[in-house]
């Protein structure tokens, strides 16, 4: 199935200088790319991938223009001798579901093609159409996607290739399982939590993993279903500068009990999640550590009560948990600062400046209490920054 062009557009126009080249180009894009003719006239032919919605399809119009100068044979020879066709001007790239099918069609057609990063595990394939234009195909969702390791069963070599050390390494390398990573925010919200979620989601996708968000903190773990959602690259667009947490946070009394943690484990396994990143303060990370410690007994209980299968149990024997300290108190030892601490300090200093103006106007003294729980970092730093008389 062919999808829109990688640059986000769904429509592209090519020009042919003769009727013969026009028909050859139509044959190329219908037989190899899989486009279908949807509109035809003497001067142009419109091809489409045939999907139902225009914004999810690719349309290509080939126009007959006898005044147009096609690339000369010398130019095409230079193109063929270029090591990397991706750098050539005018190259268009289409997204496809099965890149291997495109490669097979190009071989059958006898077309010249290049594969990147390698022919053993191609992520992008480029070919030259009959009009002399470079057209690319990729199965990647976006420019920062990574290539999934090829399955050993799908790699076929000729006898004379089996002596290659590189091929032997590919054959003997174990197939890596894709990781599913979830991120959640819990406890009091702190500035920078959205930036943390954004970083986790995009870093996971960049590394070839699936990213999930658990909405409403531990409450979302207990409820499951729609509270655990898969995220894509665009899901966190614009989150970097937003305050609070867009995936929500809520205190959950049920998770304090083993029955609640049992439900949380079940819902993570049902979603295929094998790694959890928690952004929160002392209580949130304490709960995460308890969840990690109980994980083996939780999945054993789920298996005994037939709530998960043996296959699910074996796949999720270990839950990797990472804690990121989202706390304005800056109360985590061995860290330079916690997420939200400096933003909160800035807000305190701004508020004290306003209060100071009123204090001077009325010749009065003000006692200002700030947050911090058992840690006095906010009070100390704000007092120094605003020239407080007493701290």
Protein backbone atom coordinates (compact mmCIF):
# COMPACT_ATOMS: atom_id res chain seq x y z
CA UNK A 1 0.00 0.00 0.00
CA UNK A 2 1.43 3.37 -1.06
CA UNK A 3 1.03 6.32 1.30
CA UNK A 4 1.60 10.10 0.96
CA UNK A 5 4.99 11.50 0.08
CA UNK A 6 7.48 11.76 2.94
CA UNK A 7 7.45 15.57 2.80
CA UNK A 8 3.79 15.48 3.87
CA UNK A 9 2.19 16.30 0.52
CA UNK A 10 -0.16 13.92 -1.25
CA UNK A 11 0.16 15.23 -4.84
CA UNK A 12 3.05 15.45 -7.28
CA UNK A 13 3.36 16.27 -10.99
CA UNK A 14 5.83 14.84 -13.53
CA UNK A 15 6.30 15.91 -17.16
CA UNK A 16 6.86 13.72 -20.22
CA UNK A 17 8.06 15.13 -23.54
CA UNK A 18 6.46 12.41 -25.69
CA UNK A 19 3.50 10.07 -25.69
CA UNK A 20 5.87 7.09 -25.61
CA UNK A 21 7.61 8.30 -22.45
CA UNK A 22 4.22 9.08 -20.92
CA UNK A 23 3.04 5.49 -21.40
CA UNK A 24 6.34 4.06 -20.15
CA UNK A 25 6.08 6.18 -17.00
CA UNK A 26 2.48 5.08 -16.45
CA UNK A 27 3.58 1.45 -16.81
CA UNK A 28 6.39 2.01 -14.29
CA UNK A 29 4.19 3.60 -11.64
CA UNK A 30 1.31 1.16 -12.04
CA UNK A 31 3.31 -2.08 -12.21
CA UNK A 32 6.06 -1.26 -9.71
CA UNK A 33 4.65 1.37 -7.37
CA UNK A 34 1.12 -0.02 -7.43
CA UNK A 35 -0.71 3.18 -8.36
CA UNK A 36 -3.95 3.00 -10.35
CA UNK A 37 -5.14 5.19 -13.21
CA UNK A 38 -8.12 7.24 -11.98
CA UNK A 39 -8.33 9.88 -14.71
CA UNK A 40 -6.99 9.89 -18.25
CA UNK A 41 -6.89 12.40 -21.10
CA UNK A 42 -4.71 13.09 -24.13
CA UNK A 43 -2.56 15.54 -22.19
CA UNK A 44 -2.33 13.96 -18.75
CA UNK A 45 -2.89 10.83 -16.70
CA UNK A 46 -3.74 10.94 -12.99
CA UNK A 47 -2.59 8.04 -10.81
CA UNK A 48 -3.63 7.35 -7.23
CA UNK A 49 -2.86 4.77 -4.57
CA UNK A 50 -6.58 4.06 -4.35
CA UNK A 51 -7.04 4.64 -0.63
CA UNK A 52 -10.33 5.93 0.63
CA UNK A 53 -9.27 9.24 2.15
CA UNK A 54 -7.28 11.80 0.11
CA UNK A 55 -5.05 12.82 3.02
CA UNK A 56 -3.83 9.23 3.42
CA UNK A 57 -3.21 8.58 -0.29
CA UNK A 58 -0.61 9.51 -2.89
CA UNK A 59 -1.61 11.07 -6.22
CA UNK A 60 0.74 11.43 -9.16
CA UNK A 61 -0.11 13.32 -12.35
CA UNK A 62 1.99 12.74 -15.47
CA UNK A 63 1.54 15.57 -17.96
CA UNK A 64 2.42 15.50 -21.66
CA UNK A 65 4.55 18.56 -22.41
CA UNK A 66 6.31 18.39 -25.77
CA UNK A 67 8.27 21.56 -24.95
CA UNK A 68 9.76 19.97 -21.86
CA UNK A 69 13.36 18.78 -22.10
CA UNK A 70 13.87 15.37 -20.54
CA UNK A 71 17.25 14.65 -18.92
CA UNK A 72 19.83 13.85 -21.60
CA UNK A 73 21.63 10.51 -21.83
CA UNK A 74 24.77 12.18 -20.45
CA UNK A 75 22.81 13.47 -17.46
CA UNK A 76 21.30 10.04 -16.83
CA UNK A 77 24.75 8.48 -17.04
CA UNK A 78 25.97 10.90 -14.37
CA UNK A 79 22.99 9.97 -12.20
CA UNK A 80 23.74 6.26 -12.52
CA UNK A 81 27.35 6.90 -11.53
CA UNK A 82 26.34 8.85 -8.42
CA UNK A 83 26.97 6.87 -5.24
CA UNK A 84 23.99 8.29 -3.36
CA UNK A 85 20.85 9.19 -5.31
CA UNK A 86 19.23 10.64 -2.20
CA UNK A 87 21.15 13.88 -2.68
CA UNK A 88 19.88 14.45 -6.23
CA UNK A 89 17.61 17.39 -6.90
CA UNK A 90 13.97 16.65 -7.62
CA UNK A 91 13.89 13.31 -5.82
CA UNK A 92 10.48 12.35 -4.40
CA UNK A 93 9.97 9.69 -1.74
CA UNK A 94 6.86 7.58 -1.14
CA UNK A 95 5.97 5.66 2.00
CA UNK A 96 5.11 2.00 1.46
CA UNK A 97 4.13 -0.86 3.76
CA UNK A 98 6.20 -3.63 2.16
CA UNK A 99 9.57 -2.41 0.91
CA UNK A 100 10.61 -5.93 -0.10
CA UNK A 101 7.79 -6.05 -2.67
CA UNK A 102 9.10 -2.86 -4.30
CA UNK A 103 12.58 -4.37 -4.51
CA UNK A 104 11.20 -7.52 -6.16
CA UNK A 105 9.26 -5.44 -8.69
CA UNK A 106 12.31 -3.31 -9.52
CA UNK A 107 14.39 -6.44 -10.11
CA UNK A 108 11.70 -7.92 -12.35
CA UNK A 109 11.40 -4.65 -14.26
CA UNK A 110 15.17 -4.49 -14.73
CA UNK A 111 15.39 -1.01 -13.22
CA UNK A 112 18.51 0.36 -11.56
CA UNK A 113 18.11 0.90 -7.83
CA UNK A 114 19.99 1.70 -4.64
CA UNK A 115 19.22 0.59 -1.08
CA UNK A 116 20.12 2.27 2.20
CA UNK A 117 21.61 1.56 4.68
CA UNK A 118 22.26 -1.82 3.00
CA UNK A 119 20.64 -4.33 0.68
CA UNK A 120 20.46 -6.85 3.54
CA UNK A 121 18.25 -4.60 5.66
CA UNK A 122 16.98 -1.77 3.46
CA UNK A 123 15.06 1.12 4.98
CA UNK A 124 15.03 3.21 1.80
CA UNK A 125 15.13 2.21 -1.87
CA UNK A 126 15.70 4.61 -4.77
CA UNK A 127 15.15 4.02 -8.50
CA UNK A 128 15.12 6.02 -11.74
CA UNK A 129 11.81 6.14 -13.61
CA UNK A 130 11.54 6.22 -17.45
CA UNK A 131 11.35 10.03 -17.34
CA UNK A 132 14.76 10.24 -15.68
CA UNK A 133 13.43 11.29 -12.27
CA UNK A 134 14.65 9.67 -9.06
CA UNK A 135 11.85 8.17 -6.98
CA UNK A 136 12.38 6.77 -3.51
CA UNK A 137 10.46 4.33 -1.33
CA UNK A 138 10.65 3.95 2.43
CA UNK A 139 8.84 2.04 5.14
CA UNK A 140 9.98 4.48 7.85
CA UNK A 141 7.30 6.60 9.51
CA UNK A 142 9.51 9.68 9.65
CA UNK A 143 13.08 10.83 9.18
CA UNK A 144 14.24 9.76 12.65
CA UNK A 145 12.79 6.25 12.59
CA UNK A 146 15.21 3.39 12.94
CA UNK A 147 15.34 0.15 11.00
CA UNK A 148 14.00 -2.93 12.73
CA UNK A 149 16.46 -5.84 12.61
CA UNK A 150 15.61 -8.29 9.81
CA UNK A 151 14.19 -11.68 10.67
CA UNK A 152 16.72 -14.41 10.02
CA UNK A 153 14.14 -16.49 8.14
CA UNK A 154 13.65 -13.73 5.56
CA UNK A 155 17.36 -13.38 4.66
CA UNK A 156 18.31 -15.51 1.65
CA UNK A 157 21.85 -15.77 0.30
CA UNK A 158 23.51 -17.44 -2.66
CA UNK A 159 26.03 -20.20 -1.94
CA UNK A 160 28.98 -18.02 -2.88
CA UNK A 161 27.87 -15.36 -0.39
CA UNK A 162 27.90 -17.62 2.64
CA UNK A 163 31.65 -17.27 3.07
CA UNK A 164 31.28 -13.61 3.98
CA UNK A 165 31.96 -12.90 7.64
CA UNK A 166 29.38 -10.10 7.59
CA UNK A 167 26.67 -12.44 6.31
CA UNK A 168 27.57 -15.04 8.92
CA UNK A 169 27.23 -12.39 11.62
CA UNK A 170 23.74 -11.50 10.39
CA UNK A 171 22.68 -15.14 10.37
CA UNK A 172 23.93 -15.83 13.87
CA UNK A 173 22.75 -12.57 15.45
CA UNK A 174 19.68 -13.14 17.64
CA UNK A 175 16.50 -11.37 16.57
CA UNK A 176 15.81 -8.51 18.94
CA UNK A 177 12.31 -8.01 20.24
CA UNK A 178 10.84 -4.55 19.96
CA UNK A 179 10.50 -2.81 23.30
CA UNK A 180 7.29 -1.11 24.39
CA UNK A 181 7.99 1.78 26.76
CA UNK A 182 5.33 3.60 28.78
CA UNK A 183 5.67 6.93 30.55
CA UNK A 184 3.45 8.36 33.27
CA UNK A 185 3.34 11.39 35.55
CA UNK A 186 2.22 11.09 39.14
CA UNK A 187 1.83 13.17 42.28
CA UNK A 188 1.89 16.95 42.20
CA UNK A 189 2.47 18.50 38.81
CA UNK A 190 5.78 20.23 38.18
CA UNK A 191 7.00 22.49 35.37
CA UNK A 192 8.89 20.39 32.85
CA UNK A 193 6.80 17.23 33.13
CA UNK A 194 5.47 17.70 29.60
CA UNK A 195 9.01 18.15 28.34
CA UNK A 196 9.96 14.90 30.10
CA UNK A 197 7.07 13.00 28.49
CA UNK A 198 7.96 14.45 25.10
CA UNK A 199 11.59 13.41 25.49
CA UNK A 200 10.66 9.85 26.45
CA UNK A 201 8.18 9.43 23.58
CA UNK A 202 10.47 10.77 20.88
CA UNK A 203 13.59 9.05 22.19
CA UNK A 204 11.71 5.73 22.28
CA UNK A 205 10.49 6.14 18.70
CA UNK A 206 13.96 7.24 17.56
CA UNK A 207 15.41 4.05 19.05
CA UNK A 208 12.89 1.85 17.27
CA UNK A 209 10.61 1.25 20.26
CA UNK A 210 6.89 1.81 20.70
CA UNK A 211 5.95 4.61 23.09
CA UNK A 212 2.89 4.64 25.34
CA UNK A 213 1.48 7.17 27.80
CA UNK A 214 -0.39 6.20 30.95
CA UNK A 215 -2.97 8.91 31.58
CA UNK A 216 -3.93 10.07 35.09
CA UNK A 217 -0.94 8.53 36.86
CA UNK A 218 -1.38 5.34 38.87
CA UNK A 219 -5.15 5.73 38.49
CA UNK A 220 -4.64 5.07 34.77
CA UNK A 221 -2.65 1.92 35.53
CA UNK A 222 -5.46 0.58 37.68
CA UNK A 223 -8.19 1.43 35.15
CA UNK A 224 -6.30 0.39 32.01
CA UNK A 225 -8.15 0.38 28.65
CA UNK A 226 -8.21 3.89 27.14
CA UNK A 227 -6.01 5.24 29.92
CA UNK A 228 -3.00 3.55 28.25
CA UNK A 229 -2.49 4.98 24.77
CA UNK A 230 0.18 4.51 22.14
CA UNK A 231 1.92 7.77 21.19
CA UNK A 232 3.47 8.77 17.89
CA UNK A 233 5.92 11.52 16.93
CA UNK A 234 3.20 14.14 16.49
CA UNK A 235 1.36 13.26 19.72
CA UNK A 236 3.75 15.40 21.77
CA UNK A 237 4.21 18.23 19.31
CA UNK A 238 4.23 21.60 21.11
CA UNK A 239 4.56 20.07 24.58
CA UNK A 240 8.08 21.34 25.25
CA UNK A 241 7.04 24.74 26.61
CA UNK A 242 3.71 23.79 28.21
CA UNK A 243 3.36 23.70 31.98
CA UNK A 244 1.74 21.02 34.10
CA UNK A 245 1.24 17.58 32.60
CA UNK A 246 -0.91 16.95 29.55
CA UNK A 247 -1.32 13.25 30.36
CA UNK A 248 -2.74 14.08 33.78
CA UNK A 249 -1.90 13.06 37.31
CA UNK A 250 -4.09 11.74 40.11
CA UNK A 251 -3.65 10.19 43.51
CA UNK A 252 -4.85 6.59 43.62
CA UNK A 253 -5.84 4.93 46.88
CA UNK A 254 -6.36 1.59 45.09
CA UNK A 255 -2.72 1.39 44.02
CA UNK A 256 -1.67 1.53 47.67
CA UNK A 257 -3.23 -1.93 48.04
CA UNK A 258 -1.90 -5.10 46.42
CA UNK A 259 -5.17 -5.64 44.55
CA UNK A 260 -4.70 -2.31 42.79
CA UNK A 261 -1.10 -3.10 41.88
CA UNK A 262 -2.28 -6.48 40.55
CA UNK A 263 -4.66 -4.69 38.21
CA UNK A 264 -1.88 -2.33 37.15
CA UNK A 265 0.38 -5.26 36.27
CA UNK A 266 -2.40 -6.93 34.29
CA UNK A 267 -3.12 -3.81 32.25
CA UNK A 268 0.57 -3.26 31.46
CA UNK A 269 0.91 -6.84 30.24
CA UNK A 270 -2.27 -6.59 28.16
CA UNK A 271 -0.80 -3.52 26.46
CA UNK A 272 2.49 -5.36 25.84
CA UNK A 273 4.50 -2.88 27.92
CA UNK A 274 7.80 -4.12 29.32
CA UNK A 275 9.34 -0.85 30.56
CA UNK A 276 7.82 1.95 32.63
CA UNK A 277 9.18 5.46 33.20
CA UNK A 278 7.63 7.33 36.13
CA UNK A 279 7.96 11.09 36.49
CA UNK A 280 7.03 12.16 40.00
CA UNK A 281 8.17 12.93 43.51
CA UNK A 282 8.94 10.91 46.62
CA UNK A 283 5.59 9.14 46.91
CA UNK A 284 5.38 8.33 43.21
CA UNK A 285 8.87 6.85 43.05
CA UNK A 286 8.34 4.92 46.29
CA UNK A 287 5.24 3.37 44.72
CA UNK A 288 7.20 2.55 41.57
CA UNK A 289 9.91 0.82 43.60
CA UNK A 290 7.31 -1.25 45.46
CA UNK A 291 5.66 -2.14 42.15
CA UNK A 292 9.03 -3.33 40.81
CA UNK A 293 9.75 -5.40 43.92
CA UNK A 294 6.36 -7.12 43.79
CA UNK A 295 6.35 -7.68 40.02
CA UNK A 296 7.44 -11.37 40.03
CA UNK A 297 4.77 -12.33 42.56
CA UNK A 298 2.14 -10.22 40.77
CA UNK A 299 2.60 -11.93 37.41
CA UNK A 300 2.73 -15.36 39.10
CA UNK A 301 -0.63 -14.63 40.70
CA UNK A 302 -2.07 -13.42 37.39
CA UNK A 303 -0.94 -16.66 35.73
CA UNK A 304 -2.38 -18.86 38.49
CA UNK A 305 -5.75 -17.10 38.25
CA UNK A 306 -5.74 -17.42 34.42
CA UNK A 307 -5.77 -13.66 33.89
CA UNK A 308 -2.71 -13.86 31.60
CA UNK A 309 -1.30 -16.63 29.41
CA UNK A 310 1.93 -18.54 29.94
CA UNK A 311 3.39 -16.76 26.92
CA UNK A 312 2.57 -13.35 28.40
CA UNK A 313 4.03 -14.43 31.73
CA UNK A 314 7.31 -15.54 30.17
CA UNK A 315 7.65 -12.41 28.05
CA UNK A 316 7.05 -10.04 30.97
CA UNK A 317 9.07 -11.76 33.68
CA UNK A 318 10.93 -8.52 34.30
CA UNK A 319 9.58 -4.97 34.35
CA UNK A 320 12.23 -2.32 33.83
CA UNK A 321 11.33 0.83 35.75
CA UNK A 322 13.08 4.19 35.52
CA UNK A 323 12.30 7.12 37.79
CA UNK A 324 12.64 10.76 36.76
CA UNK A 325 12.25 13.14 39.67
CA UNK A 326 9.43 15.56 38.91
CA UNK A 327 9.42 17.69 42.06
CA UNK A 328 9.65 21.42 42.64
CA UNK A 329 11.25 20.78 46.05
CA UNK A 330 14.65 19.74 44.65
CA UNK A 331 14.79 17.11 47.39
CA UNK A 332 16.54 14.23 45.63
CA UNK A 333 20.13 13.65 46.68
CA UNK A 334 22.89 13.11 44.11
CA UNK A 335 21.04 15.13 41.46
CA UNK A 336 21.91 18.62 40.25
CA UNK A 337 18.25 19.58 40.20
CA UNK A 338 14.85 17.96 39.97
CA UNK A 339 12.36 18.61 37.17
CA UNK A 340 10.53 21.86 37.91
CA UNK A 341 12.75 23.18 40.71
CA UNK A 342 14.27 26.15 38.90
CA UNK A 343 10.98 27.11 37.26
CA UNK A 344 9.37 27.20 40.71
CA UNK A 345 12.24 29.26 42.10
CA UNK A 346 11.78 31.76 39.27
CA UNK A 347 8.05 32.01 40.02
CA UNK A 348 8.71 32.58 43.75
CA UNK A 349 11.19 35.36 43.03
CA UNK A 350 8.72 37.01 40.68
CA UNK A 351 5.95 36.90 43.32
CA UNK A 352 8.27 38.25 46.04
CA UNK A 353 9.16 41.22 43.84
CA UNK A 354 5.48 42.18 43.69
CA UNK A 355 5.01 41.69 47.44
CA UNK A 356 8.14 43.74 48.14
CA UNK A 357 6.64 46.72 46.32
CA UNK A 358 3.56 46.61 48.57
CA UNK A 359 5.70 46.13 51.70
CA UNK A 360 7.74 49.24 50.90
CA UNK A 361 4.62 51.27 50.14
CA UNK A 362 3.00 50.49 53.49
CA UNK A 363 6.15 50.14 55.61
CA UNK A 364 5.14 46.64 56.58
CA UNK A 365 6.94 43.33 56.99
CA UNK A 366 5.75 40.18 55.23
CA UNK A 367 6.35 36.55 56.10
CA UNK A 368 6.39 34.44 52.94
CA UNK A 369 6.01 30.68 53.13
CA UNK A 370 7.06 28.56 50.17
CA UNK A 371 6.81 24.86 49.40
CA UNK A 372 9.61 22.40 49.98
CA UNK A 373 8.29 19.79 52.40
CA UNK A 374 11.36 18.53 54.29
CA UNK A 375 13.82 20.33 52.01
CA UNK A 376 14.63 24.04 52.39
CA UNK A 377 16.20 24.57 48.98
CA UNK A 378 13.39 26.75 47.59
CA UNK A 379 13.27 28.90 50.74
CA UNK A 380 17.05 29.29 50.89
CA UNK A 381 17.59 30.11 47.22
CA UNK A 382 14.56 32.41 47.01
CA UNK A 383 15.64 34.22 50.17
CA UNK A 384 19.13 34.82 48.79
CA UNK A 385 17.86 35.86 45.36
CA UNK A 386 15.32 38.37 46.71
CA UNK A 387 17.54 39.74 49.52
CA UNK A 388 15.24 38.58 52.32
CA UNK A 389 16.03 39.92 55.79
CA UNK A 390 15.55 36.52 57.42
CA UNK A 391 15.37 32.97 56.09
